[in-house]
C-alpha atoms as a PDB file:
ATOM      1  CA  MET A   1       3.761  26.968 -26.392  1.00  0.00           C
ATOM      2  CA  THR A   2       3.474  24.818 -23.292  1.00  0.00           C
ATOM      3  CA  LEU A   3       3.412  26.363 -19.838  1.00  0.00           C
ATOM      4  CA  LEU A   4       4.754  23.753 -17.433  1.00  0.00           C
ATOM      5  CA  TYR A   5       4.524  23.798 -13.656  1.00  0.00           C
ATOM      6  CA  VAL A   6       6.354  21.100 -11.689  1.00  0.00           C
ATOM      7  CA  MET A   7       5.055  20.151  -8.252  1.00  0.00           C
ATOM      8  CA  ASP A   8       8.112  19.240  -6.193  1.00  0.00           C
ATOM      9  CA  PRO A   9       7.417  16.288  -3.835  1.00  0.00           C
ATOM     10  CA  MET A  10      10.206  17.496  -1.524  1.00  0.00           C
ATOM     11  CA  VAL A  11       8.078  20.499  -0.598  1.00  0.00           C
ATOM     12  CA  ALA A  12       5.427  18.158   0.810  1.00  0.00           C
ATOM     13  CA  TYR A  13       8.064  16.023   2.537  1.00  0.00           C
ATOM     14  CA  SER A  14       9.652  19.078   4.184  1.00  0.00           C
ATOM     15  CA  ARG A  15       6.329  20.354   5.461  1.00  0.00           C
ATOM     16  CA  ARG A  16       5.329  16.939   6.830  1.00  0.00           C
ATOM     17  CA  ARG A  17       8.626  16.749   8.704  1.00  0.00           C
ATOM     18  CA  ALA A  18       8.251  20.290  10.056  1.00  0.00           C
ATOM     19  CA  PHE A  19       4.532  20.012  10.860  1.00  0.00           C
ATOM     20  CA  PRO A  20       3.551  16.554  12.136  1.00  0.00           C
ATOM     21  CA  GLY A  21      -0.069  15.801  11.352  1.00  0.00           C
ATOM     22  CA  TYR A  22       0.099  16.969   7.723  1.00  0.00           C
ATOM     23  CA  ARG A  23      -1.200  14.285   5.429  1.00  0.00           C
ATOM     24  CA  GLY A  24       0.461  13.679   2.089  1.00  0.00           C
ATOM     25  CA  ASP A  25      -2.875  13.941   0.283  1.00  0.00           C
ATOM     26  CA  ASP A  26      -3.551  17.360   1.801  1.00  0.00           C
ATOM     27  CA  GLU A  27      -0.143  18.667   0.808  1.00  0.00           C
ATOM     28  CA  TYR A  28      -0.375  17.325  -2.728  1.00  0.00           C
ATOM     29  CA  THR A  29      -3.702  19.103  -3.080  1.00  0.00           C
ATOM     30  CA  ASN A  30      -2.133  22.321  -1.810  1.00  0.00           C
ATOM     31  CA  GLU A  31       0.797  22.065  -4.223  1.00  0.00           C
ATOM     32  CA  ARG A  32      -1.577  21.206  -7.076  1.00  0.00           C
ATOM     33  CA  GLU A  33      -3.772  24.203  -6.229  1.00  0.00           C
ATOM     34  CA  LYS A  34      -0.696  26.441  -6.133  1.00  0.00           C
ATOM     35  CA  GLY A  35       0.425  25.154  -9.541  1.00  0.00           C
ATOM     36  CA  GLU A  36      -3.029  25.601 -11.056  1.00  0.00           C
ATOM     37  CA  TRP A  37      -3.220  29.160  -9.707  1.00  0.00           C
ATOM     38  CA  ILE A  38       0.219  30.026 -11.118  1.00  0.00           C
ATOM     39  CA  LEU A  39      -0.626  28.554 -14.526  1.00  0.00           C
ATOM     40  CA  GLU A  40      -3.921  30.471 -14.631  1.00  0.00           C
ATOM     41  CA  SER A  41      -2.107  33.701 -13.706  1.00  0.00           C
ATOM     42  CA  VAL A  42       0.456  33.222 -16.454  1.00  0.00           C
ATOM     43  CA  LEU A  43      -2.220  32.294 -19.012  1.00  0.00           C
ATOM     44  CA  ASP A  44      -3.978  35.588 -18.260  1.00  0.00           C
ATOM     45  CA  ALA A  45      -0.792  37.454 -19.254  1.00  0.00           C
ATOM     46  CA  VAL A  46      -0.310  35.613 -22.559  1.00  0.00           C
ATOM     47  CA  PRO A  47      -1.785  37.385 -25.608  1.00  0.00           C
ATOM     48  CA  ASP A  48      -4.871  35.671 -27.049  1.00  0.00           C
ATOM     49  CA  GLU A  49      -3.191  35.051 -30.412  1.00  0.00           C
ATOM     50  CA  VAL A  50      -0.503  32.869 -28.781  1.00  0.00           C
ATOM     51  CA  GLU A  51      -1.617  29.254 -28.630  1.00  0.00           C
ATOM     52  CA  THR A  52      -0.752  27.913 -25.179  1.00  0.00           C
ATOM     53  CA  GLU A  53      -1.208  24.618 -23.404  1.00  0.00           C
ATOM     54  CA  PRO A  54      -0.795  24.528 -19.612  1.00  0.00           C
ATOM     55  CA  ASP A  55       0.471  21.322 -18.017  1.00  0.00           C
ATOM     56  CA  LEU A  56       1.074  20.302 -14.432  1.00  0.00           C
ATOM     57  CA  VAL A  57       3.415  17.446 -13.486  1.00  0.00           C
ATOM     58  CA  ALA A  58       4.946  16.115 -10.274  1.00  0.00           C
ATOM     59  CA  GLY A  59       8.588  15.308  -9.700  1.00  0.00           C
ATOM     60  CA  HIS A  60      12.006  16.749  -9.051  1.00  0.00           C
ATOM     61  CA  PRO A  61      11.840  20.014 -11.028  1.00  0.00           C
ATOM     62  CA  ALA A  62      14.940  19.665 -13.233  1.00  0.00           C
ATOM     63  CA  LYS A  63      14.356  15.979 -13.964  1.00  0.00           C
ATOM     64  CA  ALA A  64      10.656  16.551 -14.658  1.00  0.00           C
ATOM     65  CA  ILE A  65      11.387  19.414 -17.069  1.00  0.00           C
ATOM     66  CA  LEU A  66      13.998  17.386 -18.959  1.00  0.00           C
ATOM     67  CA  ARG A  67      11.755  14.316 -19.100  1.00  0.00           C
ATOM     68  CA  TYR A  68       8.817  16.429 -20.311  1.00  0.00           C
ATOM     69  CA  ALA A  69      10.974  17.984 -23.029  1.00  0.00           C
ATOM     70  CA  ASP A  70      12.103  14.551 -24.229  1.00  0.00           C
ATOM     71  CA  GLU A  71       8.648  12.969 -24.132  1.00  0.00           C
ATOM     72  CA  HIS A  72       6.946  15.876 -25.911  1.00  0.00           C
ATOM     73  CA  ALA A  73       9.688  16.655 -28.444  1.00  0.00           C
ATOM     74  CA  VAL A  74       9.901  20.333 -27.519  1.00  0.00           C
ATOM     75  CA  ASP A  75      11.996  22.657 -29.678  1.00  0.00           C
ATOM     76  CA  GLY A  76      13.355  24.742 -26.811  1.00  0.00           C
ATOM     77  CA  ILE A  77      12.989  25.544 -23.122  1.00  0.00           C
ATOM     78  CA  VAL A  78      12.583  28.939 -21.482  1.00  0.00           C
ATOM     79  CA  ILE A  79      13.162  28.800 -17.741  1.00  0.00           C
ATOM     80  CA  GLY A  80      13.297  31.385 -14.978  1.00  0.00           C
ATOM     81  CA  SER A  81      16.211  31.698 -12.593  1.00  0.00           C
ATOM     82  CA  HIS A  82      16.330  33.150  -9.106  1.00  0.00           C
ATOM     83  CA  GLY A  83      19.754  34.555  -9.943  1.00  0.00           C
ATOM     84  CA  ARG A  84      21.478  33.117  -6.875  1.00  0.00           C
ATOM     85  CA  GLU A  85      25.233  33.424  -6.771  1.00  0.00           C
ATOM     86  CA  GLY A  86      28.101  32.143  -4.668  1.00  0.00           C
ATOM     87  CA  PRO A  87      27.415  29.872  -1.684  1.00  0.00           C
ATOM     88  CA  ALA A  88      23.614  30.028  -2.067  1.00  0.00           C
ATOM     89  CA  ARG A  89      23.899  28.558  -5.545  1.00  0.00           C
ATOM     90  CA  VAL A  90      26.177  25.762  -4.364  1.00  0.00           C
ATOM     91  CA  LEU A  91      24.142  24.939  -1.255  1.00  0.00           C
ATOM     92  CA  LEU A  92      20.691  25.224  -2.795  1.00  0.00           C
ATOM     93  CA  GLY A  93      21.449  23.925  -6.259  1.00  0.00           C
ATOM     94  CA  SER A  94      19.939  25.344  -9.385  1.00  0.00           C
ATOM     95  CA  VAL A  95      17.128  23.872 -11.440  1.00  0.00           C
ATOM     96  CA  ALA A  96      17.951  26.209 -14.306  1.00  0.00           C
ATOM     97  CA  GLU A  97      21.630  25.247 -14.274  1.00  0.00           C
ATOM     98  CA  THR A  98      20.808  21.523 -14.319  1.00  0.00           C
ATOM     99  CA  VAL A  99      18.375  21.996 -17.200  1.00  0.00           C
ATOM    100  CA  VAL A 100      20.927  24.043 -19.163  1.00  0.00           C
ATOM    101  CA  ARG A 101      23.655  21.432 -18.661  1.00  0.00           C
ATOM    102  CA  ARG A 102      21.532  18.367 -19.458  1.00  0.00           C
ATOM    103  CA  SER A 103      19.007  19.528 -22.049  1.00  0.00           C
ATOM    104  CA  ALA A 104      19.104  18.117 -25.556  1.00  0.00           C
ATOM    105  CA  VAL A 105      17.397  21.283 -26.866  1.00  0.00           C
ATOM    106  CA  PRO A 106      18.332  24.972 -26.566  1.00  0.00           C
ATOM    107  CA  VAL A 107      17.559  26.598 -23.204  1.00  0.00           C
ATOM    108  CA  THR A 108      16.953  30.294 -22.560  1.00  0.00           C
ATOM    109  CA  VAL A 109      17.348  31.400 -18.942  1.00  0.00           C
ATOM    110  CA  VAL A 110      15.360  34.452 -17.886  1.00  0.00           C
ATOM    111  CA  ARG A 111      16.664  36.289 -14.844  1.00  0.00           C
ATOM    112  CA  PRO A 112      14.472  38.389 -12.533  1.00  0.00           C
ATOM    113  CA  ASP A 113      14.436  42.154 -12.850  1.00  0.00           C
ATOM    114  CA  GLU A 114      16.828  43.847 -10.466  1.00  0.00           C
END
């Protein structure tokens, strides 16, 4: 099982625009550190008998997930969803929805607990 975290370059771009003086290198480091921390946290929750491989990539989340799946010949994708509905979904877009629509392999969407 591969645990994939995608660093979104738009996060860095948005912060640079909002906070002049941010350097791209600093932001990339921050996003990388965030991704590494999340992957470590998830790895701690995975039972020892489950073989896992963490991976960290940069790119637009949906495109990066789909590209990773193609390049690594994955059998299936499990992806979380924020569960947005209505206008928020239309305005913000949905990584999970894009992955479901464009994936060549089965996708399971996990929604947050209510």
